[in-house]
Amino acid sequence: MRRDPVPPCGETNMINRSEILQTIEMFDRQHLDVRTITMGISLFDCCDADPGKACSKIYDKIVRSAEKLVETGRDIESEFGIPIVNKRVAVTPVALICASSETEDCVPFALCLDKAAKETGVDFIGGFSALVKKGCTNADIKLIRAIPEALAETKYVCSSVEVGSSKAGINMDAVALMGKTIKKTAALTAGAGGYGCAKLMVLCNAADDNPFMAGAFHGPGEGETVINVGVSGPGAIREALKAVRGCPFDELAEMIKKTAFRVTRVGQLVAGEACKRLGAPFGIVDLSLAPTPAAGDSVARILEEMGLEVCGTHGSTAALALLNDAVKKGGVMAGSSVGGLSGAFIPVSEDEGMVEAAERGALTVDKLEAMTCVCSVGLDMIAVPGDTPAETISAIIADEAAIGMINSKTTAVRIIPVPGMKVGDRVEFGGLLGGAPVMPVHEFSSADFISRGGRIPAPVSSLKN
């Protein structure tokens, strides 16, 4: 009986010529890229009672650790022909570091991060963050109060605040505070359409190893340094689905899995090379489908390729659930360690298909909230009227946190109340952040609900010990 030859040890994952050509096609015509190489850096050894000394230590450590990050990313791009869009740094949540410093002002810490980011040449630095899912320390309060000024005064700094988790419940005092913080951030960056809010994310069940901004930070349980890579590829998924038009859903899901596998292998390759050259350990590949404003690089268009006339119509949540699950199943076998968020992002301003759907009235905040039950992150890059009350923004955060808490998944809100704009106006941020129409929110008040404060208890499903 004839048997196929057994491949040599270590070559079981070889791909054939056809698959190589398909991957090249993804780069050339389908917008496939590695969205980010993110270096996580621990700042625990930078704590100091003197805030000036602490900032000096922080600056020195970031520059020393990430001095070759951008150069290495460019070298890998050039040698392998793989586009790497962003090189980023994520640090230990700064509220944990400035807690040791005798200061009431955390803005200098943000300025220090910004200076280090500029020196290393990275695109963004995340970690001006606080983890307040069960309660706030004095340092947490100081940092949150500093966020508006910090984001207004810096170019590269991103901020995030975790307000809930499936184990702790939802800190509604922090939720109320974040509504006010977002409003103030928008006001201080009004000249740029409230741009500061695009660098601020409020999370439930935040991931310690997320490489994507604005929610990236280097979790307290991580090591000294680590390399996390985020891939992309909505255009490649959409193109692949053209081959299964009219086919049953199980065949469609199988095609997504196969394509996600190839996309993730690219991320694994880049991660391995970056770790080897930078001398830092490998963390995870985040296989989230991250769209861009470019035509053809849209998660919304994938859903429409499945048979929806426009993203947001009935069936969109089911289509997104299938997509998210198939991406995870295909990607998890392609990476040695998959983590972060790993699914499908649906940021409005960063996805040209989402923008069109919102402009046509098919996509609303309520529908987006429903869709976040089955995908990564949550209500992302949504522009709302500038006069939206802080309590309404807090209530939107609470709704999204509740979805994450009950379903044991990461959810988040990145919302921009655009100063001076009303429903139907359009705000432009440029670059990967794109632009978006200002979307309506409910006019009925949530003020009495938010003013209760306290904590929404964790669900009974959290009792797993």
Protein backbone atom coordinates (compact mmCIF):
# COMPACT_ATOMS: atom_id res chain seq x y z
CA MET A 1 0.00 0.00 0.00
CA ARG A 2 1.38 3.41 -1.02
CA ARG A 3 1.91 5.97 1.71
CA ASP A 4 2.64 9.68 1.45
CA PRO A 5 6.13 10.56 2.67
CA VAL A 6 6.34 11.78 6.24
CA PRO A 7 7.63 15.37 6.37
CA PRO A 8 10.85 15.95 8.29
CA CYS A 9 10.54 16.90 11.96
CA GLY A 10 9.61 20.57 12.31
CA GLU A 11 8.12 20.85 8.80
CA THR A 12 4.59 19.67 9.53
CA ASN A 13 3.24 23.20 9.08
CA MET A 14 4.73 23.81 5.62
CA ILE A 15 2.33 25.38 3.16
CA ASN A 16 2.22 24.74 -0.56
CA ARG A 17 2.91 27.13 -3.44
CA SER A 18 -0.78 27.95 -3.88
CA GLU A 19 -1.13 29.02 -0.26
CA ILE A 20 2.01 31.17 -0.51
CA LEU A 21 0.60 32.94 -3.56
CA GLN A 22 -2.72 33.45 -1.78
CA THR A 23 -0.93 35.09 1.16
CA ILE A 24 1.03 37.38 -1.19
CA GLU A 25 -2.29 38.35 -2.79
CA MET A 26 -3.60 39.27 0.67
CA PHE A 27 -0.76 41.75 1.13
CA ASP A 28 -0.91 43.21 -2.37
CA ARG A 29 -4.65 43.67 -2.88
CA GLN A 30 -6.61 42.81 0.26
CA HIS A 31 -5.07 45.18 2.86
CA LEU A 32 -3.59 42.39 4.99
CA ASP A 33 -1.12 43.79 7.48
CA VAL A 34 0.28 43.36 10.94
CA ARG A 35 -1.53 46.17 12.70
CA THR A 36 0.90 46.50 15.58
CA ILE A 37 3.99 45.24 17.32
CA THR A 38 3.47 46.30 20.93
CA MET A 39 6.21 46.03 23.53
CA GLY A 40 4.95 45.73 27.08
CA ILE A 41 7.25 47.22 29.72
CA SER A 42 6.97 46.86 33.50
CA LEU A 43 7.46 50.09 35.46
CA PHE A 44 7.28 48.65 38.97
CA ASP A 45 10.98 49.27 39.57
CA CYS A 46 10.46 52.95 38.71
CA CYS A 47 8.40 53.76 41.82
CA ASP A 48 9.78 56.61 43.90
CA ALA A 49 8.44 58.96 46.58
CA ASP A 50 9.86 61.84 44.55
CA PRO A 51 7.64 62.18 41.43
CA GLY A 52 10.46 63.82 39.49
CA LYS A 53 12.77 60.88 40.15
CA ALA A 54 9.98 58.43 39.30
CA CYS A 55 9.41 60.14 35.94
CA SER A 56 13.13 60.12 35.22
CA LYS A 57 13.28 56.37 35.90
CA ILE A 58 10.22 55.76 33.73
CA TYR A 59 11.67 57.70 30.82
CA ASP A 60 15.04 55.95 31.04
CA LYS A 61 13.51 52.47 31.22
CA ILE A 62 11.14 52.96 28.29
CA VAL A 63 13.87 54.44 26.08
CA ARG A 64 16.33 51.73 27.06
CA SER A 65 13.84 48.90 26.48
CA ALA A 66 12.21 50.16 23.27
CA GLU A 67 15.10 51.99 21.61
CA LYS A 68 15.25 49.46 18.75
CA LEU A 69 11.54 48.63 18.48
CA VAL A 70 10.74 50.88 15.53
CA GLU A 71 13.96 50.02 13.68
CA THR A 72 13.31 46.32 14.17
CA GLY A 73 9.75 46.62 12.88
CA ARG A 74 10.96 48.40 9.76
CA ASP A 75 13.66 45.79 9.16
CA ILE A 76 11.10 42.98 9.37
CA GLU A 77 8.80 44.87 6.99
CA SER A 78 11.61 45.26 4.49
CA GLU A 79 12.96 41.72 4.70
CA PHE A 80 9.67 39.83 4.66
CA GLY A 81 7.47 42.23 2.70
CA ILE A 82 4.92 42.29 5.50
CA PRO A 83 3.36 45.71 6.22
CA ILE A 84 3.58 46.60 9.93
CA VAL A 85 1.37 49.62 10.46
CA ASN A 86 2.18 50.59 14.04
CA LYS A 87 4.94 50.10 16.59
CA ARG A 88 3.70 50.76 20.09
CA VAL A 89 4.56 50.53 23.78
CA ALA A 90 2.30 49.56 26.67
CA VAL A 91 3.35 50.11 30.29
CA THR A 92 2.21 49.13 33.76
CA PRO A 93 -0.96 51.07 34.70
CA VAL A 94 0.47 54.37 35.84
CA ALA A 95 -1.90 54.65 38.82
CA LEU A 96 0.00 51.73 40.36
CA ILE A 97 3.31 53.55 39.91
CA CYS A 98 2.39 57.08 40.96
CA ALA A 99 0.79 55.69 44.14
CA SER A 100 4.28 55.70 45.65
CA SER A 101 4.92 59.34 44.76
CA GLU A 102 4.09 62.25 47.02
CA THR A 103 2.12 64.31 44.54
CA GLU A 104 -1.43 65.37 43.78
CA ASP A 105 -0.73 65.88 40.08
CA CYS A 106 -0.32 62.91 37.72
CA VAL A 107 -0.05 64.95 34.51
CA PRO A 108 3.80 64.99 34.67
CA PHE A 109 3.72 61.19 34.39
CA ALA A 110 1.79 61.49 31.11
CA LEU A 111 4.23 64.10 29.83
CA CYS A 112 7.07 61.74 30.70
CA LEU A 113 5.43 58.90 28.72
CA ASP A 114 4.90 61.25 25.78
CA LYS A 115 8.54 62.32 25.82
CA ALA A 116 9.68 58.68 25.87
CA ALA A 117 7.34 57.81 23.00
CA LYS A 118 8.72 60.65 20.91
CA GLU A 119 12.30 59.61 21.64
CA THR A 120 11.73 55.98 20.65
CA GLY A 121 9.63 56.91 17.60
CA VAL A 122 6.63 54.72 18.48
CA ASP A 123 3.17 55.61 17.24
CA PHE A 124 1.38 55.38 20.61
CA ILE A 125 2.12 54.54 24.23
CA GLY A 126 -0.64 53.04 26.38
CA GLY A 127 -0.90 52.64 30.10
CA PHE A 128 -1.94 55.99 31.56
CA SER A 129 -4.47 53.74 33.19
CA ALA A 130 -6.29 52.77 36.38
CA LEU A 131 -7.86 49.46 37.39
CA VAL A 132 -10.87 50.37 39.54
CA LYS A 133 -13.26 47.48 38.98
CA LYS A 134 -14.01 47.11 42.70
CA GLY A 135 -12.88 50.37 44.22
CA CYS A 136 -10.66 53.41 43.79
CA THR A 137 -7.46 54.18 45.68
CA ASN A 138 -6.35 57.75 46.18
CA ALA A 139 -3.84 57.26 43.36
CA ASP A 140 -6.60 56.00 41.04
CA ILE A 141 -8.68 59.11 41.68
CA LYS A 142 -5.69 61.38 41.07
CA LEU A 143 -4.92 59.68 37.78
CA ILE A 144 -8.51 59.72 36.51
CA ARG A 145 -8.80 63.42 37.35
CA ALA A 146 -5.59 64.03 35.38
CA ILE A 147 -6.79 62.24 32.23
CA PRO A 148 -8.41 65.21 30.43
CA GLU A 149 -5.39 67.47 30.79
CA ALA A 150 -2.98 64.60 30.14
CA LEU A 151 -4.62 63.67 26.85
CA ALA A 152 -4.93 67.31 25.81
CA GLU A 153 -1.25 68.01 26.51
CA THR A 154 0.22 64.89 24.90
CA LYS A 155 0.37 63.51 21.38
CA TYR A 156 1.17 59.82 21.83
CA VAL A 157 -0.33 58.88 25.21
CA CYS A 158 -3.40 56.64 25.43
CA SER A 159 -5.47 56.13 28.56
CA SER A 160 -7.79 53.41 29.82
CA VAL A 161 -9.82 52.72 32.95
CA GLU A 162 -11.23 49.33 33.92
CA VAL A 163 -14.53 49.89 35.77
CA GLY A 164 -15.84 46.34 36.08
CA SER A 165 -15.28 42.62 35.75
CA SER A 166 -17.20 39.36 35.94
CA LYS A 167 -15.63 38.64 39.35
CA ALA A 168 -15.97 42.09 40.91
CA GLY A 169 -19.13 43.59 39.39
CA ILE A 170 -19.31 47.18 38.17
CA ASN A 171 -17.92 50.15 40.11
CA MET A 172 -20.70 52.63 39.44
CA ASP A 173 -18.89 55.46 41.25
CA ALA A 174 -16.09 55.06 38.70
CA VAL A 175 -18.63 54.82 35.86
CA ALA A 176 -20.15 58.15 36.94
CA LEU A 177 -16.70 59.71 37.16
CA MET A 178 -15.74 58.49 33.69
CA GLY A 179 -18.78 60.15 32.10
CA LYS A 180 -17.56 63.48 33.47
CA THR A 181 -13.97 62.70 32.50
CA ILE A 182 -14.94 62.02 28.89
CA LYS A 183 -16.92 65.26 28.69
CA LYS A 184 -14.00 67.27 30.08
CA THR A 185 -11.54 65.55 27.74
CA ALA A 186 -13.72 66.47 24.78
CA ALA A 187 -13.93 70.08 25.93
CA LEU A 188 -10.16 70.40 26.35
CA THR A 189 -9.59 69.03 22.84
CA ALA A 190 -12.56 70.78 21.21
CA GLY A 191 -10.36 72.33 18.54
CA ALA A 192 -9.61 68.85 17.23
CA GLY A 193 -13.18 67.54 17.39
CA GLY A 194 -12.76 66.08 20.87
CA TYR A 195 -9.80 64.04 19.67
CA GLY A 196 -8.63 63.35 23.22
CA CYS A 197 -11.57 60.98 23.67
CA ALA A 198 -10.27 58.85 20.80
CA LYS A 199 -7.29 58.04 23.04
CA LEU A 200 -9.45 57.07 26.03
CA MET A 201 -11.16 53.71 26.60
CA VAL A 202 -13.37 52.53 29.49
CA LEU A 203 -13.32 48.75 29.92
CA CYS A 204 -14.88 45.78 31.66
CA ASN A 205 -12.76 42.62 31.95
CA ALA A 206 -9.72 44.39 30.55
CA ALA A 207 -7.06 42.12 29.00
CA ASP A 208 -3.57 42.42 30.47
CA ASP A 209 -1.94 41.56 27.12
CA ASN A 210 -4.00 43.59 24.66
CA PRO A 211 -1.70 45.14 22.00
CA PHE A 212 -4.37 47.47 20.57
CA MET A 213 -4.88 51.10 21.59
CA ALA A 214 -6.41 52.84 23.36
CA GLY A 215 -6.98 50.00 25.84
CA ALA A 216 -3.46 48.56 25.93
CA PHE A 217 -1.49 48.38 29.18
CA HIS A 218 1.14 46.00 30.56
CA GLY A 219 -0.76 43.98 33.13
CA PRO A 220 0.50 43.61 36.71
CA GLY A 221 0.94 39.87 36.17
CA GLU A 222 3.21 40.29 33.15
CA GLY A 223 7.03 40.05 33.13
CA GLU A 224 9.67 42.75 32.68
CA THR A 225 9.13 43.07 28.93
CA VAL A 226 7.08 41.21 26.37
CA ILE A 227 6.24 41.39 22.67
CA ASN A 228 2.56 41.18 21.70
CA VAL A 229 1.48 41.35 18.05
CA GLY A 230 -1.91 42.34 16.65
CA VAL A 231 -2.85 41.23 13.15
CA SER A 232 -5.65 42.41 10.89
CA GLY A 233 -7.17 41.24 7.61
CA PRO A 234 -10.86 42.12 7.08
CA GLY A 235 -10.20 42.55 3.37
CA ALA A 236 -8.70 39.07 3.08
CA ILE A 237 -11.69 37.52 4.84
CA ARG A 238 -14.17 39.34 2.61
CA GLU A 239 -12.35 38.33 -0.55
CA ALA A 240 -12.25 34.70 0.53
CA LEU A 241 -16.02 34.67 1.10
CA LYS A 242 -16.66 35.49 -2.54
CA ALA A 243 -15.80 31.86 -3.31
CA VAL A 244 -18.68 30.59 -1.14
CA ARG A 245 -21.49 32.93 -2.18
CA GLY A 246 -24.83 31.18 -1.77
CA CYS A 247 -23.27 28.29 0.17
CA PRO A 248 -24.55 27.12 3.58
CA PHE A 249 -23.26 28.82 6.71
CA ASP A 250 -21.08 25.89 7.78
CA GLU A 251 -19.12 26.17 4.53
CA LEU A 252 -18.86 29.92 4.99
CA ALA A 253 -17.52 29.44 8.53
CA GLU A 254 -14.96 26.93 7.28
CA MET A 255 -13.67 29.42 4.71
CA ILE A 256 -13.27 32.09 7.41
CA LYS A 257 -11.37 29.63 9.62
CA LYS A 258 -8.93 28.76 6.85
CA THR A 259 -8.29 32.41 6.02
CA ALA A 260 -7.90 33.38 9.69
CA PHE A 261 -5.32 30.61 10.03
CA ARG A 262 -3.17 32.11 7.27
CA VAL A 263 -3.56 35.63 8.66
CA THR A 264 -2.52 34.51 12.14
CA ARG A 265 0.52 32.63 10.83
CA VAL A 266 1.78 35.94 9.49
CA GLY A 267 1.43 37.46 12.94
CA GLN A 268 3.22 34.51 14.52
CA LEU A 269 6.11 34.91 12.07
CA VAL A 270 6.48 38.62 12.83
CA ALA A 271 6.24 38.03 16.58
CA GLY A 272 8.97 35.39 16.48
CA GLU A 273 11.31 37.60 14.48
CA ALA A 274 10.69 40.64 16.68
CA CYS A 275 11.32 38.68 19.87
CA LYS A 276 14.54 37.20 18.53
CA ARG A 277 15.91 40.56 17.42
CA LEU A 278 14.81 42.55 20.47
CA GLY A 279 15.75 39.93 23.04
CA ALA A 280 12.29 40.09 24.61
CA PRO A 281 10.01 37.12 25.35
CA PHE A 282 6.98 36.41 23.18
CA GLY A 283 3.60 37.13 24.70
CA ILE A 284 0.63 36.63 22.39
CA VAL A 285 -0.76 37.12 18.91
CA ASP A 286 -4.05 39.00 18.99
CA LEU A 287 -5.94 37.86 15.91
CA SER A 288 -8.63 40.54 16.00
CA LEU A 289 -9.95 41.78 12.67
CA ALA A 290 -9.07 45.47 12.90
CA PRO A 291 -10.54 47.56 10.06
CA THR A 292 -9.26 50.81 8.59
CA PRO A 293 -11.01 53.67 6.76
CA ALA A 294 -9.62 52.30 3.47
CA ALA A 295 -12.17 50.88 1.04
CA GLY A 296 -12.17 47.10 1.15
CA ASP A 297 -10.68 46.86 4.65
CA SER A 298 -13.99 46.73 6.49
CA VAL A 299 -15.67 44.32 8.93
CA ALA A 300 -19.04 45.73 7.86
CA ARG A 301 -18.36 44.65 4.28
CA ILE A 302 -17.69 41.09 5.47
CA LEU A 303 -21.16 40.97 7.01
CA GLU A 304 -22.66 42.35 3.81
CA GLU A 305 -20.77 39.71 1.78
CA MET A 306 -22.64 37.13 3.88
CA GLY A 307 -25.90 38.39 2.39
CA LEU A 308 -26.97 41.48 4.32
CA GLU A 309 -27.99 44.47 2.23
CA VAL A 310 -26.33 46.81 4.71
CA CYS A 311 -24.58 46.27 8.03
CA GLY A 312 -26.94 46.95 10.92
CA THR A 313 -30.02 45.41 9.40
CA HIS A 314 -31.68 42.36 10.96
CA GLY A 315 -29.27 39.43 10.91
CA SER A 316 -26.17 41.53 11.57
CA THR A 317 -25.68 40.20 15.10
CA ALA A 318 -25.93 36.58 13.91
CA ALA A 319 -23.50 37.24 11.06
CA LEU A 320 -21.02 38.89 13.42
CA ALA A 321 -21.31 36.00 15.88
CA LEU A 322 -20.40 33.54 13.13
CA LEU A 323 -17.48 35.70 12.00
CA ASN A 324 -16.08 36.19 15.49
CA ASP A 325 -16.25 32.50 16.37
CA ALA A 326 -14.76 31.31 13.08
CA VAL A 327 -11.86 33.79 13.38
CA LYS A 328 -11.05 32.46 16.85
CA LYS A 329 -11.24 28.81 15.74
CA GLY A 330 -9.02 29.41 12.74
CA GLY A 331 -6.53 31.60 14.52
CA VAL A 332 -6.03 29.58 17.69
CA MET A 333 -4.39 26.71 15.78
CA ALA A 334 -2.04 29.07 13.94
CA GLY A 335 -0.44 30.77 16.93
CA SER A 336 1.61 29.31 19.76
CA SER A 337 -0.15 31.68 22.16
CA VAL A 338 -3.29 33.58 21.21
CA GLY A 339 -4.56 36.28 23.56
CA GLY A 340 -5.49 39.91 23.86
CA LEU A 341 -8.99 40.42 22.49
CA SER A 342 -8.92 38.15 19.41
CA GLY A 343 -12.14 38.52 17.45
CA ALA A 344 -13.66 41.26 15.31
CA PHE A 345 -13.61 44.99 16.03
CA ILE A 346 -16.50 47.22 15.00
CA PRO A 347 -15.21 50.78 15.46
CA VAL A 348 -17.47 53.13 13.53
CA SER A 349 -15.06 55.88 12.43
CA GLU A 350 -12.30 53.39 11.53
CA ASP A 351 -14.48 51.25 9.22
CA GLU A 352 -15.75 52.79 5.98
CA GLY A 353 -18.58 50.25 5.79
CA MET A 354 -19.74 51.07 9.32
CA VAL A 355 -19.64 54.78 8.48
CA GLU A 356 -21.84 54.26 5.41
CA ALA A 357 -24.25 52.08 7.39
CA ALA A 358 -24.55 54.76 10.07
CA GLU A 359 -25.10 57.48 7.47
CA ARG A 360 -27.88 55.40 5.88
CA GLY A 361 -29.59 54.96 9.24
CA ALA A 362 -29.16 51.18 9.33
CA LEU A 363 -26.61 51.27 12.15
CA THR A 364 -27.56 52.87 15.47
CA VAL A 365 -25.96 52.96 18.90
CA ASP A 366 -28.56 50.46 20.12
CA LYS A 367 -27.78 48.03 17.29
CA LEU A 368 -24.06 48.41 17.89
CA GLU A 369 -24.64 47.58 21.55
CA ALA A 370 -26.44 44.39 20.54
CA MET A 371 -23.62 43.44 18.20
CA THR A 372 -21.03 43.92 20.94
CA CYS A 373 -22.54 40.94 22.76
CA VAL A 374 -20.87 38.65 20.21
CA CYS A 375 -17.65 40.42 19.16
CA SER A 376 -14.47 41.95 20.56
CA VAL A 377 -14.39 45.14 22.61
CA GLY A 378 -17.60 47.16 22.29
CA LEU A 379 -18.94 50.61 21.42
CA ASP A 380 -15.85 51.92 19.70
CA MET A 381 -15.06 55.26 18.07
CA ILE A 382 -18.63 56.50 18.14
CA ALA A 383 -19.27 60.22 17.72
CA VAL A 384 -22.30 61.65 19.57
CA PRO A 385 -23.65 65.19 19.98
CA GLY A 386 -21.45 67.51 22.01
CA ASP A 387 -24.28 68.38 24.37
CA THR A 388 -24.82 64.74 25.42
CA PRO A 389 -25.02 64.78 29.25
CA ALA A 390 -22.23 63.15 31.22
CA GLU A 391 -24.83 60.93 32.91
CA THR A 392 -25.96 59.59 29.52
CA ILE A 393 -22.38 58.73 28.63
CA SER A 394 -21.99 57.00 32.00
CA ALA A 395 -25.19 55.03 31.38
CA ILE A 396 -23.86 53.89 27.99
CA ILE A 397 -20.67 52.75 29.75
CA ALA A 398 -22.74 50.91 32.36
CA ASP A 399 -24.76 49.09 29.69
CA GLU A 400 -21.63 47.96 27.89
CA ALA A 401 -19.92 46.93 31.13
CA ALA A 402 -22.98 44.87 32.04
CA ILE A 403 -22.70 42.95 28.76
CA GLY A 404 -19.07 42.18 29.54
CA MET A 405 -19.72 41.28 33.17
CA ILE A 406 -22.58 38.87 32.49
CA ASN A 407 -20.96 37.25 29.46
CA SER A 408 -17.41 37.05 30.90
CA LYS A 409 -15.89 38.91 27.97
CA THR A 410 -14.03 42.13 27.40
CA THR A 411 -16.23 45.08 26.52
CA ALA A 412 -15.35 48.73 26.24
CA VAL A 413 -16.58 52.18 25.31
CA ARG A 414 -14.63 54.74 23.28
CA ILE A 415 -17.10 57.51 22.67
CA ILE A 416 -16.55 61.10 21.50
CA PRO A 417 -19.09 63.78 22.43
CA VAL A 418 -17.98 66.17 19.69
CA PRO A 419 -18.07 69.77 20.97
CA GLY A 420 -20.41 71.99 18.98
CA MET A 421 -21.70 69.22 16.73
CA LYS A 422 -25.19 67.77 16.42
CA VAL A 423 -26.73 64.65 14.88
CA GLY A 424 -25.92 64.41 11.17
CA ASP A 425 -22.72 66.45 11.34
CA ARG A 426 -19.46 64.71 10.50
CA VAL A 427 -16.18 64.80 12.43
CA GLU A 428 -12.80 63.96 10.90
CA PHE A 429 -9.81 62.63 12.86
CA GLY A 430 -7.60 61.47 10.00
CA GLY A 431 -5.27 58.51 9.67
CA LEU A 432 -6.40 55.17 11.06
CA LEU A 433 -9.00 56.94 13.22
CA GLY A 434 -10.91 58.09 10.11
CA GLY A 435 -14.07 60.13 10.47
CA ALA A 436 -17.68 59.49 11.41
CA PRO A 437 -21.18 60.94 11.41
CA VAL A 438 -22.50 62.18 14.73
CA MET A 439 -25.01 59.55 15.87
CA PRO A 440 -28.10 60.12 18.04
CA VAL A 441 -28.45 58.87 21.60
CA HIS A 442 -31.65 58.59 23.63
CA GLU A 443 -32.93 61.93 24.86
CA PHE A 444 -34.43 60.49 28.04
CA SER A 445 -32.43 61.02 31.24
CA SER A 446 -30.39 58.41 33.11
CA ALA A 447 -29.23 60.91 35.74
CA ASP A 448 -31.10 59.43 38.72
CA PHE A 449 -29.82 55.97 37.83
CA ILE A 450 -26.19 57.08 37.67
CA SER A 451 -26.42 59.22 40.82
CA ARG A 452 -27.09 56.13 42.98
CA GLY A 453 -23.39 55.25 42.97
CA GLY A 454 -22.09 52.18 44.75
CA ARG A 455 -21.41 48.91 42.98
CA ILE A 456 -23.49 46.59 40.82
CA PRO A 457 -22.71 43.16 42.33
CA ALA A 458 -20.99 40.45 40.31
CA PRO A 459 -23.31 37.80 38.84
CA VAL A 460 -23.77 34.45 40.56
CA SER A 461 -21.79 32.86 37.70
CA SER A 462 -18.69 34.48 39.23
CA LEU A 463 -18.82 32.05 42.18
CA LYS A 464 -16.60 29.38 40.67
CA ASN A 465 -14.11 28.70 43.47
